[in-house]
Amino acid sequence: NIVVIPRYQGQVISNDVMSSVMAYFLFFFLTLGVGTVALVLIGLDPVTAISGAAATLTNVGPGLGPIIGPAGNFSTLPDTAIWVMSFLMLVGRLELMAVYVLLIPSFWRS
């Protein structure tokens, strides 16, 4: 059994930093999953839903598939799907944690 102490540039990484990184990844993939499920429930095929959610959350460009792929565009999607993707784009642009902090009631009390 080996205990490995994580380091970055010779400095020990604190538990607070590791917890923050894990929380970011958790919220990122949770948001991606919820966005994908919402798009599938709206009626998009799974490839379009996953790639559309990923493209809008990360702001990287077109998705995959015939609808929103490189030769397609988002204009043919239902209005509800455009609203979901707009929310994902806002969350991706404004930074994930900053948006979710606004949804915590204790933030508004203090």
Protein backbone atom coordinates (compact mmCIF):
# COMPACT_ATOMS: atom_id res chain seq x y z
CA ASN A 1 0.00 0.00 0.00
CA ILE A 2 1.31 3.39 -1.02
CA VAL A 3 0.07 6.78 0.07
CA VAL A 4 0.62 9.29 -2.73
CA ILE A 5 0.55 12.97 -1.85
CA PRO A 6 -0.63 14.96 -4.88
CA ARG A 7 1.71 17.77 -5.87
CA TYR A 8 1.74 20.50 -8.49
CA GLN A 9 5.05 22.22 -9.29
CA GLY A 10 6.51 20.86 -6.06
CA GLN A 11 3.68 22.22 -3.89
CA VAL A 12 1.30 19.91 -2.04
CA ILE A 13 -2.27 20.29 -3.30
CA SER A 14 -4.61 21.01 -0.39
CA ASN A 15 -7.82 19.11 0.24
CA ASP A 16 -9.81 22.32 -0.34
CA VAL A 17 -8.40 22.69 -3.85
CA MET A 18 -9.04 19.04 -4.68
CA SER A 19 -12.61 19.32 -3.36
CA SER A 20 -13.21 22.43 -5.47
CA VAL A 21 -11.94 20.72 -8.62
CA MET A 22 -14.09 17.65 -7.95
CA ALA A 23 -17.14 19.86 -7.33
CA TYR A 24 -16.57 21.67 -10.63
CA PHE A 25 -16.35 18.40 -12.58
CA LEU A 26 -19.41 17.04 -10.76
CA PHE A 27 -21.50 20.11 -11.60
CA PHE A 28 -20.20 20.17 -15.18
CA PHE A 29 -21.17 16.57 -15.93
CA LEU A 30 -24.42 16.90 -13.97
CA THR A 31 -25.36 19.95 -16.06
CA LEU A 32 -24.37 18.17 -19.26
CA GLY A 33 -26.45 15.13 -18.28
CA VAL A 34 -29.53 17.11 -17.30
CA GLY A 35 -29.30 19.15 -20.50
CA THR A 36 -28.96 16.00 -22.59
CA VAL A 37 -31.93 14.31 -20.90
CA ALA A 38 -34.03 17.46 -21.36
CA LEU A 39 -33.21 17.58 -25.07
CA VAL A 40 -34.01 13.88 -25.51
CA LEU A 41 -37.35 14.38 -23.72
CA ILE A 42 -38.11 17.27 -26.08
CA GLY A 43 -37.73 14.85 -28.98
CA LEU A 44 -34.18 15.11 -30.29
CA ASP A 45 -32.25 11.98 -31.12
CA PRO A 46 -29.54 11.03 -28.59
CA VAL A 47 -26.57 12.01 -30.80
CA THR A 48 -28.03 15.45 -31.48
CA ALA A 49 -28.97 15.87 -27.81
CA ILE A 50 -25.56 14.91 -26.41
CA SER A 51 -23.55 16.85 -28.97
CA GLY A 52 -25.88 19.85 -28.81
CA ALA A 53 -25.69 19.99 -25.02
CA ALA A 54 -21.90 19.62 -25.11
CA ALA A 55 -21.48 22.21 -27.88
CA THR A 56 -23.61 24.82 -26.14
CA LEU A 57 -22.28 24.21 -22.61
CA THR A 58 -18.65 24.38 -23.71
CA ASN A 59 -19.20 26.94 -26.52
CA VAL A 60 -17.10 24.97 -29.00
CA GLY A 61 -19.12 25.15 -32.20
CA PRO A 62 -21.43 22.80 -34.08
CA GLY A 63 -22.67 19.49 -32.79
CA LEU A 64 -22.91 16.16 -34.56
CA GLY A 65 -25.59 14.69 -36.75
CA PRO A 66 -27.65 15.96 -39.66
CA ILE A 67 -29.62 18.58 -37.71
CA ILE A 68 -26.92 20.58 -35.90
CA GLY A 69 -23.80 19.16 -37.52
CA PRO A 70 -21.33 21.16 -39.60
CA ALA A 71 -23.79 21.31 -42.52
CA GLY A 72 -26.86 22.04 -40.34
CA ASN A 73 -27.90 24.74 -37.92
CA PHE A 74 -29.93 25.24 -34.76
CA SER A 75 -32.83 27.07 -36.45
CA THR A 76 -34.81 23.91 -37.17
CA LEU A 77 -34.93 22.83 -33.51
CA PRO A 78 -38.11 23.24 -31.44
CA ASP A 79 -38.36 26.43 -29.38
CA THR A 80 -38.10 24.49 -26.12
CA ALA A 81 -34.81 22.92 -27.25
CA ILE A 82 -33.47 26.35 -28.14
CA TRP A 83 -34.37 27.61 -24.64
CA VAL A 84 -32.58 24.65 -23.02
CA MET A 85 -29.51 25.19 -25.19
CA SER A 86 -29.59 28.93 -24.49
CA PHE A 87 -29.54 28.20 -20.75
CA LEU A 88 -26.62 25.80 -21.23
CA MET A 89 -24.78 28.44 -23.24
CA LEU A 90 -25.31 31.04 -20.51
CA VAL A 91 -24.11 28.63 -17.83
CA GLY A 92 -21.03 27.82 -19.91
CA ARG A 93 -20.23 31.45 -20.68
CA LEU A 94 -20.80 32.84 -17.19
CA GLU A 95 -18.91 29.99 -15.53
CA LEU A 96 -20.69 27.08 -13.98
CA MET A 97 -20.11 27.74 -10.28
CA ALA A 98 -20.94 31.44 -10.51
CA VAL A 99 -24.38 30.64 -11.92
CA TYR A 100 -25.10 27.91 -9.38
CA VAL A 101 -24.07 30.13 -6.46
CA LEU A 102 -26.88 32.48 -7.49
CA LEU A 103 -29.35 29.60 -7.03
CA ILE A 104 -28.33 28.93 -3.40
CA PRO A 105 -30.71 30.65 -0.92
CA SER A 106 -27.94 31.25 1.65
CA PHE A 107 -26.14 33.44 -0.89
CA TRP A 108 -29.05 35.89 -0.88
CA ARG A 109 -29.43 35.89 2.93
CA SER A 110 -25.89 37.01 3.73
